């Protein structure tokens, strides 16, 4: 994964080759093409810096779209990258806020009148502040009509991150996914449960497909490819196959995975302690502390403490240490913090 890093002088550099288990907290940016890339990136990396995040990700800088292998990996990983982000900033170039300039001495008055306990300021000039007119909410009609809500790729960019903050074209905060959830629900028809982070497995294939039904993409196949993460499906990207074939493959892969999971759930689980003993005898013992890195992995911890997700998939090439990792995780299973009924599935690919 590539990330952009901002230093103390305001300079930005590209950091490449970050391993999944050592990715620092980062902000991720969402926009629609043609939004004025330089202005957008400058506004949003300033916002990330103010939020204490040195690292941020934006597709225009962090994906080499000319590399087919990298593009395939990026499309398959996109949902996960958005889900892992500390914050997602959505830049709405077609939503303008009515502005007024006030002297900084009026700050307390504005905060009191707006009924807010805090006030976000977009710029840092000492004698003046530029603020949105939060009293009239004059930007709401433009927000409802924003192009961002009509694009296929932004479905996952809305659903995957826990925190999504919206900004006007001037870079002023409009609210977040939580404070605007009813507005977003009415615009997108996406259920509140999905917006609030409930498992997407609670929703059928047709329900999830409907969330993107009225949205458009530049390439017709992207109507399907943009939903990889929504369906937790991994399959090859084949531009030129057409939208219908892409959706057919997506649905077939979803059903295939669903049947495999259903079969797995119907299988009587074996005692992991017995399996661990068998593996250690076969492999010559467990390397002490060899698995400890996984305990800091965000995906493992999210699964470990979840009351919803019962399965942890461990995928990797043969000979990469999945078996030893599995033994270490089984040790963790014996601790009381693990969710009751959790199961592990180790898969060599």
Protein backbone atom coordinates (compact mmCIF):
# COMPACT_ATOMS: atom_id res chain seq x y z
CA UNK A 1 0.00 0.00 0.00
CA UNK A 2 1.24 3.49 -0.84
CA UNK A 3 0.56 6.48 1.41
CA UNK A 4 1.35 10.17 1.19
CA UNK A 5 3.15 11.58 4.23
CA UNK A 6 3.19 15.21 5.26
CA UNK A 7 6.20 16.46 7.21
CA UNK A 8 6.52 19.30 9.71
CA UNK A 9 7.37 21.80 6.97
CA UNK A 10 4.21 21.03 4.98
CA UNK A 11 6.02 18.99 2.34
CA UNK A 12 4.43 15.79 1.04
CA UNK A 13 6.24 12.63 -0.05
CA UNK A 14 5.10 9.21 -1.26
CA UNK A 15 5.76 6.24 1.01
CA UNK A 16 5.75 2.89 -0.81
CA UNK A 17 5.83 -0.76 0.15
CA UNK A 18 4.20 -0.44 3.56
CA UNK A 19 3.39 -3.94 4.89
CA UNK A 20 -0.17 -4.52 6.06
CA UNK A 21 0.86 -5.07 9.67
CA UNK A 22 2.85 -1.81 9.84
CA UNK A 23 0.50 0.67 8.22
CA UNK A 24 0.24 3.83 10.38
CA UNK A 25 -3.07 5.60 11.08
CA UNK A 26 -4.11 7.44 7.93
CA UNK A 27 -6.87 9.54 6.42
CA UNK A 28 -8.38 8.49 3.12
CA UNK A 29 -9.83 10.93 0.62
CA UNK A 30 -12.94 10.57 -1.52
CA UNK A 31 -14.01 12.74 -4.42
CA UNK A 32 -15.33 12.57 -7.97
CA UNK A 33 -13.11 12.92 -11.01
CA UNK A 34 -12.56 16.44 -12.30
CA UNK A 35 -12.92 18.10 -8.90
CA UNK A 36 -9.72 20.14 -9.22
CA UNK A 37 -7.19 17.60 -7.99
CA UNK A 38 -4.53 19.96 -6.61
CA UNK A 39 -6.95 22.11 -4.61
CA UNK A 40 -8.73 19.04 -3.33
CA UNK A 41 -5.56 17.30 -2.17
CA UNK A 42 -4.16 20.44 -0.55
CA UNK A 43 -7.39 21.09 1.37
CA UNK A 44 -7.68 17.52 2.57
CA UNK A 45 -4.05 16.97 3.57
CA UNK A 46 -4.36 20.17 5.64
CA UNK A 47 -7.44 18.66 7.30
CA UNK A 48 -5.61 15.39 8.01
CA UNK A 49 -2.76 17.35 9.59
CA UNK A 50 -5.18 19.25 11.84
CA UNK A 51 -6.68 15.91 12.88
CA UNK A 52 -3.24 14.64 13.89
CA UNK A 53 -2.83 12.30 10.90
CA UNK A 54 0.52 12.55 9.08
CA UNK A 55 -0.43 9.99 6.44
CA UNK A 56 -3.21 10.11 3.88
CA UNK A 57 -4.30 8.25 0.76
CA UNK A 58 -5.83 9.50 -2.48
CA UNK A 59 -6.37 7.37 -5.58
CA UNK A 60 -4.86 9.85 -8.04
CA UNK A 61 -1.46 9.66 -6.33
CA UNK A 62 -1.38 6.25 -4.67
CA UNK A 63 -2.42 3.91 -7.51
CA UNK A 64 -0.50 3.36 -10.75
CA UNK A 65 -3.44 2.69 -13.05
CA UNK A 66 -1.13 1.87 -15.96
CA UNK A 67 0.05 -1.26 -14.12
CA UNK A 68 -2.65 -3.91 -14.63
CA UNK A 69 -1.49 -6.09 -11.74
CA UNK A 70 -1.44 -3.13 -9.37
CA UNK A 71 -4.85 -1.96 -10.57
CA UNK A 72 -6.30 -5.45 -9.96
CA UNK A 73 -4.83 -5.46 -6.44
CA UNK A 74 -6.13 -1.95 -5.75
CA UNK A 75 -9.67 -2.76 -6.87
CA UNK A 76 -9.69 -5.88 -4.70
CA UNK A 77 -8.26 -4.01 -1.70
CA UNK A 78 -10.16 -0.72 -1.96
CA UNK A 79 -12.96 -1.58 0.45
CA UNK A 80 -10.45 -2.76 3.03
CA UNK A 81 -8.32 0.39 2.63
CA UNK A 82 -11.36 2.58 3.26
CA UNK A 83 -12.48 0.41 6.18
CA UNK A 84 -9.07 0.63 7.87
CA UNK A 85 -8.79 4.42 7.54
CA UNK A 86 -8.91 6.49 10.71
CA UNK A 87 -11.07 9.00 8.83
CA UNK A 88 -12.50 9.41 5.35
CA UNK A 89 -12.78 12.97 4.01
CA UNK A 90 -15.33 13.51 1.24
CA UNK A 91 -14.68 16.57 -0.91
CA UNK A 92 -17.85 17.87 -2.60
CA UNK A 93 -16.71 20.22 -5.35
CA UNK A 94 -20.31 20.99 -6.35
CA UNK A 95 -21.45 21.99 -2.84
CA UNK A 96 -20.67 25.57 -1.86
CA UNK A 97 -21.24 27.13 1.54
CA UNK A 98 -22.52 30.65 2.00
CA UNK A 99 -19.59 32.37 3.68
CA UNK A 100 -19.15 35.32 5.93
CA UNK A 101 -15.95 36.78 7.29
CA UNK A 102 -15.96 37.73 10.95
CA UNK A 103 -13.34 39.07 13.30
CA UNK A 104 -11.75 36.48 15.55
CA UNK A 105 -13.07 38.37 18.59
CA UNK A 106 -16.59 37.25 17.56
CA UNK A 107 -15.69 33.57 17.78
CA UNK A 108 -17.33 32.96 21.15
CA UNK A 109 -20.49 34.76 20.00
CA UNK A 110 -20.75 32.56 16.90
CA UNK A 111 -20.21 29.38 18.90
CA UNK A 112 -22.88 30.43 21.41
CA UNK A 113 -25.41 31.37 18.74
CA UNK A 114 -24.92 28.14 16.80
CA UNK A 115 -25.48 26.03 19.89
CA UNK A 116 -22.19 24.21 19.32
CA UNK A 117 -19.59 23.41 21.94
CA UNK A 118 -16.81 23.47 19.36
CA UNK A 119 -16.29 25.26 16.07
CA UNK A 120 -14.16 24.00 13.19
CA UNK A 121 -12.24 26.68 11.34
CA UNK A 122 -11.06 26.11 7.81
CA UNK A 123 -8.25 28.66 7.72
CA UNK A 124 -5.83 30.00 10.29
CA UNK A 125 -5.47 33.76 9.58
CA UNK A 126 -5.03 35.55 12.93
CA UNK A 127 -7.52 38.38 12.36
CA UNK A 128 -10.33 36.73 10.47
CA UNK A 129 -12.13 33.42 10.23
CA UNK A 130 -14.06 32.03 7.30
CA UNK A 131 -17.03 29.96 8.44
CA UNK A 132 -19.99 28.27 6.83
CA UNK A 133 -23.44 29.63 7.49
CA UNK A 134 -24.51 26.70 9.65
CA UNK A 135 -27.62 28.57 10.78
CA UNK A 136 -29.48 28.51 7.46
CA UNK A 137 -27.94 25.26 6.14
CA UNK A 138 -28.16 26.85 2.70
CA UNK A 139 -25.86 24.16 1.30
CA UNK A 140 -28.33 21.32 1.93
CA UNK A 141 -30.09 21.40 -1.50
CA UNK A 142 -26.73 21.23 -3.28
CA UNK A 143 -25.66 18.43 -0.91
CA UNK A 144 -28.72 16.37 -1.88
CA UNK A 145 -27.93 16.86 -5.58
CA UNK A 146 -24.17 16.32 -5.31
CA UNK A 147 -22.52 14.31 -8.06
CA UNK A 148 -20.73 12.30 -5.35
CA UNK A 149 -23.97 10.44 -4.54
CA UNK A 150 -24.41 9.38 -8.18
CA UNK A 151 -21.07 7.65 -8.73
CA UNK A 152 -20.63 3.89 -8.45
CA UNK A 153 -17.34 3.84 -6.56
CA UNK A 154 -18.58 6.06 -3.74
CA UNK A 155 -20.94 3.39 -2.36
CA UNK A 156 -18.06 1.55 -0.69
CA UNK A 157 -16.39 4.85 0.21
CA UNK A 158 -19.51 5.77 2.17
CA UNK A 159 -20.14 2.40 3.83
CA UNK A 160 -16.66 1.02 4.61
CA UNK A 161 -15.11 3.72 6.87
CA UNK A 162 -16.33 4.15 10.43
CA UNK A 163 -15.89 7.94 10.23
CA UNK A 164 -16.81 9.84 7.07
CA UNK A 165 -16.63 13.65 7.10
CA UNK A 166 -18.05 15.85 4.34
CA UNK A 167 -16.49 19.11 3.14
CA UNK A 168 -17.68 21.85 0.80
CA UNK A 169 -15.66 23.03 -2.18
CA UNK A 170 -14.22 25.74 0.08
CA UNK A 171 -12.96 23.03 2.44
CA UNK A 172 -15.47 23.74 5.20
CA UNK A 173 -16.88 20.92 7.31
CA UNK A 174 -20.55 20.11 6.66
CA UNK A 175 -20.96 17.20 9.06
CA UNK A 176 -20.18 13.51 9.20
CA UNK A 177 -21.88 10.23 8.32
CA UNK A 178 -23.45 10.03 11.77
CA UNK A 179 -24.81 13.58 11.99
CA UNK A 180 -26.09 13.47 8.39
CA UNK A 181 -27.26 9.85 8.37
CA UNK A 182 -30.95 10.59 7.75
CA UNK A 183 -30.07 12.97 4.93
CA UNK A 184 -27.74 10.36 3.41
CA UNK A 185 -30.31 7.60 3.89
CA UNK A 186 -32.96 9.63 2.03
CA UNK A 187 -30.54 10.45 -0.80
CA UNK A 188 -29.09 6.97 -1.29
CA UNK A 189 -31.85 4.68 0.04
CA UNK A 190 -29.11 2.73 1.83
CA UNK A 191 -30.51 1.34 5.12
CA UNK A 192 -29.42 3.05 8.32
CA UNK A 193 -28.07 -0.26 9.63
CA UNK A 194 -25.63 -0.44 6.73
CA UNK A 195 -24.58 3.19 7.25
CA UNK A 196 -24.03 2.48 10.95
CA UNK A 197 -21.60 -0.35 10.29
CA UNK A 198 -23.74 -3.44 10.81
CA UNK A 199 -22.46 -6.54 8.95
CA UNK A 200 -23.22 -6.40 5.24
CA UNK A 201 -24.00 -10.11 5.40
CA UNK A 202 -27.29 -9.02 7.01
CA UNK A 203 -28.38 -7.82 3.55
CA UNK A 204 -29.17 -10.01 0.55
CA UNK A 205 -27.39 -9.86 -2.80
CA UNK A 206 -30.29 -7.98 -4.40
CA UNK A 207 -30.49 -5.48 -1.53
CA UNK A 208 -26.80 -4.62 -1.80
CA UNK A 209 -26.89 -4.50 -5.59
CA UNK A 210 -29.77 -2.00 -5.41
CA UNK A 211 -27.59 0.50 -3.52
CA UNK A 212 -25.62 1.10 -6.72
CA UNK A 213 -28.43 0.53 -9.24
CA UNK A 214 -28.92 4.22 -10.12
CA UNK A 215 -25.24 5.12 -10.02
CA UNK A 216 -22.92 5.52 -12.98
CA UNK A 217 -19.29 4.68 -13.73
CA UNK A 218 -16.97 5.70 -16.55
CA UNK A 219 -16.44 2.07 -17.60
CA UNK A 220 -19.56 -0.05 -17.67
CA UNK A 221 -17.84 -3.04 -16.01
CA UNK A 222 -17.04 -0.86 -13.00
CA UNK A 223 -20.73 -0.97 -12.08
CA UNK A 224 -19.92 -4.51 -10.91
CA UNK A 225 -16.26 -4.10 -9.96
CA UNK A 226 -17.05 -1.21 -7.61
CA UNK A 227 -19.07 -3.67 -5.50
CA UNK A 228 -16.27 -6.19 -4.84
CA UNK A 229 -15.97 -5.05 -1.23
CA UNK A 230 -19.71 -4.71 -0.69
CA UNK A 231 -20.06 -8.43 -1.52
CA UNK A 232 -16.66 -9.45 -0.08
CA UNK A 233 -15.81 -11.03 -3.42
CA UNK A 234 -12.41 -11.35 -5.09
CA UNK A 235 -12.32 -12.04 -8.82
CA UNK A 236 -10.28 -10.95 -11.87
CA UNK A 237 -10.96 -7.63 -13.56
CA UNK A 238 -11.77 -8.14 -17.26
CA UNK A 239 -12.41 -4.80 -18.94
CA UNK A 240 -14.22 -5.35 -22.21
CA UNK A 241 -16.47 -8.15 -20.95
CA UNK A 242 -19.42 -5.77 -20.55
CA UNK A 243 -21.63 -4.94 -17.59
CA UNK A 244 -23.93 -7.96 -17.86
CA UNK A 245 -21.13 -10.53 -17.86
CA UNK A 246 -19.36 -8.70 -15.04
CA UNK A 247 -22.49 -8.82 -12.88
CA UNK A 248 -23.05 -12.48 -13.80
CA UNK A 249 -19.54 -13.38 -12.63
CA UNK A 250 -20.02 -11.29 -9.49
CA UNK A 251 -23.27 -13.04 -8.61
CA UNK A 252 -21.84 -16.50 -9.37
CA UNK A 253 -18.79 -15.86 -7.18
CA UNK A 254 -20.96 -14.50 -4.37
CA UNK A 255 -23.19 -17.59 -4.45
CA UNK A 256 -20.18 -19.91 -4.60
CA UNK A 257 -18.65 -18.26 -1.52
CA UNK A 258 -22.01 -18.28 0.25
CA UNK A 259 -22.44 -22.02 -0.34
CA UNK A 260 -18.90 -22.68 0.94
CA UNK A 261 -19.61 -20.72 4.12
CA UNK A 262 -22.95 -22.45 4.63
CA UNK A 263 -21.23 -25.82 4.31
CA UNK A 264 -18.55 -24.72 6.75
CA UNK A 265 -21.13 -23.64 9.33
CA UNK A 266 -22.91 -26.98 9.01
CA UNK A 267 -19.68 -28.86 9.81
CA UNK A 268 -19.21 -29.85 13.43
CA UNK A 269 -16.15 -27.89 14.63
CA UNK A 270 -13.28 -29.82 16.20
CA UNK A 271 -11.64 -28.77 19.46
CA UNK A 272 -8.87 -26.33 18.41
CA UNK A 273 -6.65 -27.50 21.28
CA UNK A 274 -6.64 -31.03 19.86
CA UNK A 275 -5.86 -29.67 16.39
CA UNK A 276 -3.06 -27.51 17.81
CA UNK A 277 -1.44 -30.53 19.47
CA UNK A 278 -1.67 -32.52 16.24
CA UNK A 279 -0.12 -29.69 14.22
CA UNK A 280 2.72 -29.14 16.69
CA UNK A 281 3.58 -32.84 16.67
CA UNK A 282 3.56 -32.87 12.87
CA UNK A 283 5.55 -29.64 12.49
CA UNK A 284 8.04 -30.16 15.32
CA UNK A 285 6.68 -27.59 17.74
CA UNK A 286 5.68 -23.92 17.71
CA UNK A 287 8.29 -21.18 17.39
CA UNK A 288 7.99 -19.12 20.56
CA UNK A 289 6.52 -15.65 19.95
CA UNK A 290 6.54 -16.16 16.15
CA UNK A 291 2.87 -15.23 15.91
CA UNK A 292 2.78 -12.22 18.25
CA UNK A 293 2.70 -9.70 15.37
CA UNK A 294 -0.84 -10.75 14.51
CA UNK A 295 -2.07 -9.59 17.93
CA UNK A 296 -1.51 -5.98 16.80
CA UNK A 297 -3.20 -6.50 13.44
CA UNK A 298 -6.40 -4.39 13.23
CA UNK A 299 -8.31 -7.09 11.33
CA UNK A 300 -7.49 -9.71 13.96
CA UNK A 301 -8.47 -7.42 16.83
CA UNK A 302 -11.70 -6.40 15.11
CA UNK A 303 -12.61 -10.09 14.73
CA UNK A 304 -11.40 -10.96 18.21
CA UNK A 305 -13.69 -8.49 19.93
CA UNK A 306 -16.62 -8.71 17.52
CA UNK A 307 -19.94 -10.22 18.52
CA UNK A 308 -21.04 -10.33 14.86
CA UNK A 309 -18.14 -11.77 12.82
CA UNK A 310 -17.46 -15.40 13.77
CA UNK A 311 -15.04 -16.44 11.04
CA UNK A 312 -11.41 -15.39 10.66
CA UNK A 313 -9.99 -16.25 7.25
CA UNK A 314 -6.24 -16.84 7.05
CA UNK A 315 -5.12 -16.87 3.44
CA UNK A 316 -1.63 -17.15 2.01
CA UNK A 317 0.71 -19.03 -0.29
CA UNK A 318 1.86 -22.53 0.75
CA UNK A 319 4.86 -22.55 3.07
CA UNK A 320 4.36 -18.98 4.33
CA UNK A 321 3.69 -19.96 7.95
CA UNK A 322 -0.10 -20.13 8.11
CA UNK A 323 0.03 -23.32 10.20
CA UNK A 324 2.31 -21.82 12.85
CA UNK A 325 0.23 -18.66 12.87
CA UNK A 326 -2.88 -20.77 13.38
CA UNK A 327 -1.27 -22.50 16.38
CA UNK A 328 -0.49 -19.14 17.95
CA UNK A 329 -4.02 -17.88 17.40
CA UNK A 330 -5.39 -21.05 18.99
CA UNK A 331 -3.41 -20.08 22.11
CA UNK A 332 -5.27 -16.77 22.03
CA UNK A 333 -8.58 -18.59 21.62
CA UNK A 334 -8.12 -20.06 25.09
CA UNK A 335 -8.10 -16.58 26.61
CA UNK A 336 -11.47 -15.25 27.89
CA UNK A 337 -11.50 -12.08 25.74
CA UNK A 338 -12.28 -14.00 22.55
CA UNK A 339 -15.91 -13.88 21.40
CA UNK A 340 -17.83 -17.09 22.16
CA UNK A 341 -18.45 -19.28 19.14
CA UNK A 342 -15.66 -17.80 17.01
CA UNK A 343 -14.10 -20.06 14.39
CA UNK A 344 -10.92 -20.05 12.36
CA UNK A 345 -10.53 -21.06 8.75
CA UNK A 346 -7.04 -21.52 7.36
CA UNK A 347 -6.82 -21.44 3.58
CA UNK A 348 -3.79 -21.99 1.38
CA UNK A 349 -3.97 -20.36 -2.02
